[in-house]
Amino acid sequence: MTTIWTVIGDILSVLTIGTCLVSKFPQILTIYQQKSAQGLSLKSLTIEVISYSISTLYNFTNRYRWINYFEYIVLIIQDYILVAVVLFYRRQINQKTIMIFTSYVVIVSLFGFSILPKSILTFLIPGTLPMSVISKSMQLVEIIRTKDSRAISSITWFISAFSNLTRIYTIMLDSMDYMLLTNFVVSTLLSSAVFVSVLYYKNPQKVKDN
């Protein structure tokens, strides 16, 4: 039976997916305008792609409702573009990076077509929490280290914090999967911290004068 809480959850899910459809594009546009990826951590982005991939495959193989994880797919596609842009401006697109990406596609496909057992994903899914912590922490440290967030989009990180927050509600309502729930609580806190740091270091000269 459909309740008001379920309807609210579905509305939040659609809203989350909608915002995630464009969440990375402000960041991509910012890099393009600045012609620089200064302050952006490539290692953080790589870990994020791996974490999102594990979470997507875990939800998919467990046959959870697609509306509760579809934003992962959208975010991964945007992350591919973002990583490519960062590599381009750092002149790091080469045979090594192409081989790494090819290997990644092969492994994801093996899980997606159930050639590799989903028990491996059950084993890996707890690792997405520390991966999320490491990824966002690395980005936070990079901003603080460079004291310059001009090439980083505050909109992207606001959407990240917002979408993680809405997922806390939808997971509590739908599956009460404690591994996923813990992941989103921590991710909400860290995304909020990055968002605040981006705003603070948007004008590095002003920070330096202070």
C-alpha atoms as a PDB file:
ATOM      1  CA  MET A   1       0.000   0.000   0.000  1.00  0.00           C
ATOM      2  CA  THR A   2       1.362   3.405  -0.993  1.00  0.00           C
ATOM      3  CA  THR A   3       1.728   5.853   1.901  1.00  0.00           C
ATOM      4  CA  ILE A   4       2.502   9.550   2.015  1.00  0.00           C
ATOM      5  CA  TRP A   5       6.048   8.669   3.151  1.00  0.00           C
ATOM      6  CA  THR A   6       6.559   6.468   0.094  1.00  0.00           C
ATOM      7  CA  VAL A   7       5.316   9.254  -2.186  1.00  0.00           C
ATOM      8  CA  ILE A   8       7.695  11.723  -0.501  1.00  0.00           C
ATOM      9  CA  GLY A   9      10.521   9.202  -0.931  1.00  0.00           C
ATOM     10  CA  ASP A  10       9.772   8.790  -4.639  1.00  0.00           C
ATOM     11  CA  ILE A  11       9.616  12.571  -5.112  1.00  0.00           C
ATOM     12  CA  LEU A  12      12.997  12.946  -3.372  1.00  0.00           C
ATOM     13  CA  SER A  13      14.435  10.147  -5.529  1.00  0.00           C
ATOM     14  CA  VAL A  14      13.280  11.833  -8.737  1.00  0.00           C
ATOM     15  CA  LEU A  15      14.575  15.192  -7.457  1.00  0.00           C
ATOM     16  CA  THR A  16      17.918  13.613  -6.582  1.00  0.00           C
ATOM     17  CA  ILE A  17      18.236  11.991 -10.005  1.00  0.00           C
ATOM     18  CA  GLY A  18      17.211  15.271 -11.649  1.00  0.00           C
ATOM     19  CA  THR A  19      19.880  17.300  -9.847  1.00  0.00           C
ATOM     20  CA  CYS A  20      22.495  14.616 -10.446  1.00  0.00           C
ATOM     21  CA  LEU A  21      21.817  14.792 -14.186  1.00  0.00           C
ATOM     22  CA  VAL A  22      23.664  18.113 -14.233  1.00  0.00           C
ATOM     23  CA  SER A  23      25.686  18.032 -10.994  1.00  0.00           C
ATOM     24  CA  LYS A  24      29.129  17.626 -12.584  1.00  0.00           C
ATOM     25  CA  PHE A  25      28.590  19.940 -15.534  1.00  0.00           C
ATOM     26  CA  PRO A  26      29.160  23.149 -13.509  1.00  0.00           C
ATOM     27  CA  GLN A  27      32.536  21.652 -12.524  1.00  0.00           C
ATOM     28  CA  ILE A  28      33.377  20.739 -16.118  1.00  0.00           C
ATOM     29  CA  LEU A  29      32.367  24.225 -17.263  1.00  0.00           C
ATOM     30  CA  THR A  30      34.434  25.861 -14.510  1.00  0.00           C
ATOM     31  CA  ILE A  31      37.564  23.967 -15.570  1.00  0.00           C
ATOM     32  CA  TYR A  32      36.955  24.909 -19.192  1.00  0.00           C
ATOM     33  CA  GLN A  33      36.533  28.598 -18.320  1.00  0.00           C
ATOM     34  CA  GLN A  34      39.614  28.613 -16.087  1.00  0.00           C
ATOM     35  CA  LYS A  35      41.596  26.469 -18.559  1.00  0.00           C
ATOM     36  CA  SER A  36      43.000  24.821 -15.449  1.00  0.00           C
ATOM     37  CA  ALA A  37      42.285  21.955 -13.035  1.00  0.00           C
ATOM     38  CA  GLN A  38      44.124  23.685 -10.168  1.00  0.00           C
ATOM     39  CA  GLY A  39      42.872  22.504  -6.775  1.00  0.00           C
ATOM     40  CA  LEU A  40      41.096  19.469  -8.215  1.00  0.00           C
ATOM     41  CA  SER A  41      42.315  16.069  -7.034  1.00  0.00           C
ATOM     42  CA  LEU A  42      42.539  13.451  -9.803  1.00  0.00           C
ATOM     43  CA  LYS A  43      43.073  10.699  -7.224  1.00  0.00           C
ATOM     44  CA  SER A  44      39.866  11.790  -5.502  1.00  0.00           C
ATOM     45  CA  LEU A  45      37.938  11.558  -8.787  1.00  0.00           C
ATOM     46  CA  THR A  46      39.373   8.114  -9.568  1.00  0.00           C
ATOM     47  CA  ILE A  47      38.396   6.746  -6.153  1.00  0.00           C
ATOM     48  CA  GLU A  48      34.929   8.267  -6.571  1.00  0.00           C
ATOM     49  CA  VAL A  49      34.436   6.464  -9.913  1.00  0.00           C
ATOM     50  CA  ILE A  50      35.434   3.134  -8.348  1.00  0.00           C
ATOM     51  CA  SER A  51      33.162   3.711  -5.335  1.00  0.00           C
ATOM     52  CA  TYR A  52      30.172   4.668  -7.506  1.00  0.00           C
ATOM     53  CA  SER A  53      30.782   1.650  -9.737  1.00  0.00           C
ATOM     54  CA  ILE A  54      30.772  -0.781  -6.804  1.00  0.00           C
ATOM     55  CA  SER A  55      27.614   0.803  -5.354  1.00  0.00           C
ATOM     56  CA  THR A  56      25.825   0.673  -8.727  1.00  0.00           C
ATOM     57  CA  LEU A  57      26.722  -2.961  -9.321  1.00  0.00           C
ATOM     58  CA  TYR A  58      25.778  -3.884  -5.730  1.00  0.00           C
ATOM     59  CA  ASN A  59      22.325  -2.296  -6.084  1.00  0.00           C
ATOM     60  CA  PHE A  60      21.850  -3.739  -9.573  1.00  0.00           C
ATOM     61  CA  THR A  61      22.777  -7.323  -8.698  1.00  0.00           C
ATOM     62  CA  ASN A  62      20.613  -7.206  -5.549  1.00  0.00           C
ATOM     63  CA  ARG A  63      17.676  -6.025  -7.691  1.00  0.00           C
ATOM     64  CA  TYR A  64      16.994  -2.918  -5.630  1.00  0.00           C
ATOM     65  CA  ARG A  65      14.574  -0.455  -7.205  1.00  0.00           C
ATOM     66  CA  TRP A  66      16.431   1.442  -9.934  1.00  0.00           C
ATOM     67  CA  ILE A  67      14.965   4.738  -8.725  1.00  0.00           C
ATOM     68  CA  ASN A  68      17.082   4.393  -5.570  1.00  0.00           C
ATOM     69  CA  TYR A  69      20.426   4.222  -7.349  1.00  0.00           C
ATOM     70  CA  PHE A  70      20.018   5.505 -10.909  1.00  0.00           C
ATOM     71  CA  GLU A  71      21.873   8.712 -10.022  1.00  0.00           C
ATOM     72  CA  TYR A  72      25.053   6.648  -9.583  1.00  0.00           C
ATOM     73  CA  ILE A  73      24.954   5.758 -13.284  1.00  0.00           C
ATOM     74  CA  VAL A  74      24.419   9.403 -14.225  1.00  0.00           C
ATOM     75  CA  LEU A  75      27.244  10.543 -11.932  1.00  0.00           C
ATOM     76  CA  ILE A  76      29.655   7.917 -13.255  1.00  0.00           C
ATOM     77  CA  ILE A  77      29.098   9.047 -16.854  1.00  0.00           C
ATOM     78  CA  GLN A  78      29.715  12.662 -15.837  1.00  0.00           C
ATOM     79  CA  ASP A  79      32.799  11.597 -13.868  1.00  0.00           C
ATOM     80  CA  TYR A  80      34.176   9.956 -17.021  1.00  0.00           C
ATOM     81  CA  ILE A  81      33.884  13.305 -18.806  1.00  0.00           C
ATOM     82  CA  LEU A  82      35.322  15.195 -15.825  1.00  0.00           C
ATOM     83  CA  VAL A  83      38.321  12.886 -15.506  1.00  0.00           C
ATOM     84  CA  ALA A  84      38.953  13.183 -19.257  1.00  0.00           C
ATOM     85  CA  VAL A  85      38.850  17.007 -19.022  1.00  0.00           C
ATOM     86  CA  VAL A  86      41.244  17.021 -16.062  1.00  0.00           C
ATOM     87  CA  LEU A  87      43.625  14.649 -17.861  1.00  0.00           C
ATOM     88  CA  PHE A  88      43.429  16.813 -20.977  1.00  0.00           C
ATOM     89  CA  TYR A  89      44.368  20.037 -19.184  1.00  0.00           C
ATOM     90  CA  ARG A  90      47.144  18.219 -17.335  1.00  0.00           C
ATOM     91  CA  ARG A  91      48.293  16.585 -20.578  1.00  0.00           C
ATOM     92  CA  GLN A  92      48.063  13.094 -19.093  1.00  0.00           C
ATOM     93  CA  ILE A  93      45.991  11.300 -21.725  1.00  0.00           C
ATOM     94  CA  ASN A  94      48.314   8.517 -22.849  1.00  0.00           C
ATOM     95  CA  GLN A  95      48.527   4.776 -23.444  1.00  0.00           C
ATOM     96  CA  LYS A  96      48.676   4.041 -19.712  1.00  0.00           C
ATOM     97  CA  THR A  97      45.438   5.875 -18.875  1.00  0.00           C
ATOM     98  CA  ILE A  98      43.655   4.275 -21.852  1.00  0.00           C
ATOM     99  CA  MET A  99      44.741   0.790 -20.703  1.00  0.00           C
ATOM    100  CA  ILE A 100      43.542   1.487 -17.159  1.00  0.00           C
ATOM    101  CA  PHE A 101      40.133   2.620 -18.411  1.00  0.00           C
ATOM    102  CA  THR A 102      39.836  -0.440 -20.690  1.00  0.00           C
ATOM    103  CA  SER A 103      40.578  -2.767 -17.757  1.00  0.00           C
ATOM    104  CA  TYR A 104      37.958  -0.968 -15.681  1.00  0.00           C
ATOM    105  CA  VAL A 105      35.289  -1.429 -18.399  1.00  0.00           C
ATOM    106  CA  VAL A 106      36.074  -5.160 -18.650  1.00  0.00           C
ATOM    107  CA  ILE A 107      35.759  -5.714 -14.879  1.00  0.00           C
ATOM    108  CA  VAL A 108      32.487  -3.757 -14.643  1.00  0.00           C
ATOM    109  CA  SER A 109      31.063  -5.765 -17.563  1.00  0.00           C
ATOM    110  CA  LEU A 110      31.979  -9.071 -15.902  1.00  0.00           C
ATOM    111  CA  PHE A 111      29.974  -8.090 -12.817  1.00  0.00           C
ATOM    112  CA  GLY A 112      27.114  -6.596 -14.843  1.00  0.00           C
ATOM    113  CA  PHE A 113      26.623  -9.806 -16.836  1.00  0.00           C
ATOM    114  CA  SER A 114      26.940 -11.937 -13.654  1.00  0.00           C
ATOM    115  CA  ILE A 115      30.098 -13.633 -14.914  1.00  0.00           C
ATOM    116  CA  LEU A 116      31.741 -12.675 -11.632  1.00  0.00           C
ATOM    117  CA  PRO A 117      29.680 -13.588  -8.515  1.00  0.00           C
ATOM    118  CA  LYS A 118      27.795 -10.836  -6.680  1.00  0.00           C
ATOM    119  CA  SER A 119      29.226 -12.176  -3.399  1.00  0.00           C
ATOM    120  CA  ILE A 120      32.391 -10.267  -4.341  1.00  0.00           C
ATOM    121  CA  LEU A 121      30.343  -7.052  -4.434  1.00  0.00           C
ATOM    122  CA  THR A 122      28.841  -7.886  -1.025  1.00  0.00           C
ATOM    123  CA  PHE A 123      32.414  -8.166   0.216  1.00  0.00           C
ATOM    124  CA  LEU A 124      33.455  -4.909  -1.489  1.00  0.00           C
ATOM    125  CA  ILE A 125      30.456  -2.703  -0.610  1.00  0.00           C
ATOM    126  CA  PRO A 126      31.658  -1.936   2.968  1.00  0.00           C
ATOM    127  CA  GLY A 127      34.804  -0.583   1.320  1.00  0.00           C
ATOM    128  CA  THR A 128      32.818   2.161  -0.428  1.00  0.00           C
ATOM    129  CA  LEU A 129      32.486   3.997   2.879  1.00  0.00           C
ATOM    130  CA  PRO A 130      36.237   4.423   3.471  1.00  0.00           C
ATOM    131  CA  MET A 131      36.628   5.069  -0.270  1.00  0.00           C
ATOM    132  CA  SER A 132      34.058   7.858  -0.074  1.00  0.00           C
ATOM    133  CA  VAL A 133      35.779   9.259   3.018  1.00  0.00           C
ATOM    134  CA  ILE A 134      39.203   9.094   1.349  1.00  0.00           C
ATOM    135  CA  SER A 135      37.940  10.586  -1.930  1.00  0.00           C
ATOM    136  CA  LYS A 136      36.213  13.584  -0.374  1.00  0.00           C
ATOM    137  CA  SER A 137      38.941  14.041   2.245  1.00  0.00           C
ATOM    138  CA  MET A 138      41.599  14.144  -0.482  1.00  0.00           C
ATOM    139  CA  GLN A 139      39.627  16.831  -2.297  1.00  0.00           C
ATOM    140  CA  LEU A 140      39.217  18.784   0.945  1.00  0.00           C
ATOM    141  CA  VAL A 141      42.940  18.527   1.700  1.00  0.00           C
ATOM    142  CA  GLU A 142      43.835  19.595  -1.846  1.00  0.00           C
ATOM    143  CA  ILE A 143      41.714  22.741  -1.537  1.00  0.00           C
ATOM    144  CA  ILE A 144      43.219  23.610   1.835  1.00  0.00           C
ATOM    145  CA  ARG A 145      46.735  22.861   0.560  1.00  0.00           C
ATOM    146  CA  THR A 146      46.448  25.068  -2.527  1.00  0.00           C
ATOM    147  CA  LYS A 147      44.184  27.633  -0.793  1.00  0.00           C
ATOM    148  CA  ASP A 148      42.568  28.078  -4.192  1.00  0.00           C
ATOM    149  CA  SER A 149      39.156  26.766  -5.236  1.00  0.00           C
ATOM    150  CA  ARG A 150      38.581  28.953  -8.303  1.00  0.00           C
ATOM    151  CA  ALA A 151      38.602  25.892 -10.606  1.00  0.00           C
ATOM    152  CA  ILE A 152      36.142  24.027  -8.362  1.00  0.00           C
ATOM    153  CA  SER A 153      32.371  24.421  -8.660  1.00  0.00           C
ATOM    154  CA  SER A 154      30.468  25.115  -5.439  1.00  0.00           C
ATOM    155  CA  ILE A 155      27.232  24.103  -7.217  1.00  0.00           C
ATOM    156  CA  THR A 156      28.579  20.595  -7.835  1.00  0.00           C
ATOM    157  CA  TRP A 157      29.416  20.095  -4.171  1.00  0.00           C
ATOM    158  CA  PHE A 158      26.111  21.568  -2.984  1.00  0.00           C
ATOM    159  CA  ILE A 159      24.261  19.070  -5.186  1.00  0.00           C
ATOM    160  CA  SER A 160      26.474  16.286  -3.831  1.00  0.00           C
ATOM    161  CA  ALA A 161      25.599  17.164  -0.219  1.00  0.00           C
ATOM    162  CA  PHE A 162      21.897  17.536  -1.056  1.00  0.00           C
ATOM    163  CA  SER A 163      21.604  14.260  -2.999  1.00  0.00           C
ATOM    164  CA  ASN A 164      23.421  12.308  -0.262  1.00  0.00           C
ATOM    165  CA  LEU A 165      21.065  13.785   2.323  1.00  0.00           C
ATOM    166  CA  THR A 166      17.932  12.786   0.385  1.00  0.00           C
ATOM    167  CA  ARG A 167      19.268   9.249  -0.014  1.00  0.00           C
ATOM    168  CA  ILE A 168      19.411   8.845   3.781  1.00  0.00           C
ATOM    169  CA  TYR A 169      15.630   9.214   3.819  1.00  0.00           C
ATOM    170  CA  THR A 170      14.908   6.980   0.809  1.00  0.00           C
ATOM    171  CA  ILE A 171      17.143   4.140   2.043  1.00  0.00           C
ATOM    172  CA  MET A 172      15.587   4.276   5.515  1.00  0.00           C
ATOM    173  CA  LEU A 173      12.191   4.021   3.856  1.00  0.00           C
ATOM    174  CA  ASP A 174      12.977   1.393   1.232  1.00  0.00           C
ATOM    175  CA  SER A 175      15.615  -1.073   2.390  1.00  0.00           C
ATOM    176  CA  MET A 176      17.222   0.034   5.681  1.00  0.00           C
ATOM    177  CA  ASP A 177      20.504  -1.249   4.281  1.00  0.00           C
ATOM    178  CA  TYR A 178      22.832  -0.116   7.066  1.00  0.00           C
ATOM    179  CA  MET A 179      25.955  -0.269   4.913  1.00  0.00           C
ATOM    180  CA  LEU A 180      24.449   2.110   2.361  1.00  0.00           C
ATOM    181  CA  LEU A 181      22.892   4.271   5.096  1.00  0.00           C
ATOM    182  CA  THR A 182      26.206   4.769   6.906  1.00  0.00           C
ATOM    183  CA  ASN A 183      27.880   5.594   3.616  1.00  0.00           C
ATOM    184  CA  PHE A 184      25.386   8.363   2.809  1.00  0.00           C
ATOM    185  CA  VAL A 185      25.507   9.912   6.298  1.00  0.00           C
ATOM    186  CA  VAL A 186      29.292  10.229   6.157  1.00  0.00           C
ATOM    187  CA  SER A 187      29.185  11.394   2.526  1.00  0.00           C
ATOM    188  CA  THR A 188      26.691  14.130   3.405  1.00  0.00           C
ATOM    189  CA  LEU A 189      28.983  15.484   6.130  1.00  0.00           C
ATOM    190  CA  LEU A 190      32.111  15.412   3.954  1.00  0.00           C
ATOM    191  CA  SER A 191      30.420  16.892   0.872  1.00  0.00           C
ATOM    192  CA  SER A 192      29.139  19.722   3.074  1.00  0.00           C
ATOM    193  CA  ALA A 193      32.668  20.307   4.382  1.00  0.00           C
ATOM    194  CA  VAL A 194      34.070  20.486   0.828  1.00  0.00           C
ATOM    195  CA  PHE A 195      31.250  22.844  -0.197  1.00  0.00           C
ATOM    196  CA  VAL A 196      32.085  25.230   2.658  1.00  0.00           C
ATOM    197  CA  SER A 197      35.820  25.105   1.882  1.00  0.00           C
ATOM    198  CA  VAL A 198      35.141  25.860  -1.807  1.00  0.00           C
ATOM    199  CA  LEU A 199      33.189  28.970  -0.818  1.00  0.00           C
ATOM    200  CA  TYR A 200      35.884  30.035   1.639  1.00  0.00           C
ATOM    201  CA  TYR A 201      38.812  29.683  -0.805  1.00  0.00           C
ATOM    202  CA  LYS A 202      36.990  31.084  -3.855  1.00  0.00           C
ATOM    203  CA  ASN A 203      38.994  34.293  -3.485  1.00  0.00           C
ATOM    204  CA  PRO A 204      42.525  33.133  -2.546  1.00  0.00           C
ATOM    205  CA  GLN A 205      43.917  36.690  -2.415  1.00  0.00           C
ATOM    206  CA  LYS A 206      41.332  37.709   0.170  1.00  0.00           C
ATOM    207  CA  VAL A 207      42.155  34.641   2.299  1.00  0.00           C
ATOM    208  CA  LYS A 208      45.866  35.429   2.004  1.00  0.00           C
ATOM    209  CA  ASP A 209      45.286  39.024   3.137  1.00  0.00           C
ATOM    210  CA  ASN A 210      43.401  37.758   6.178  1.00  0.00           C
END
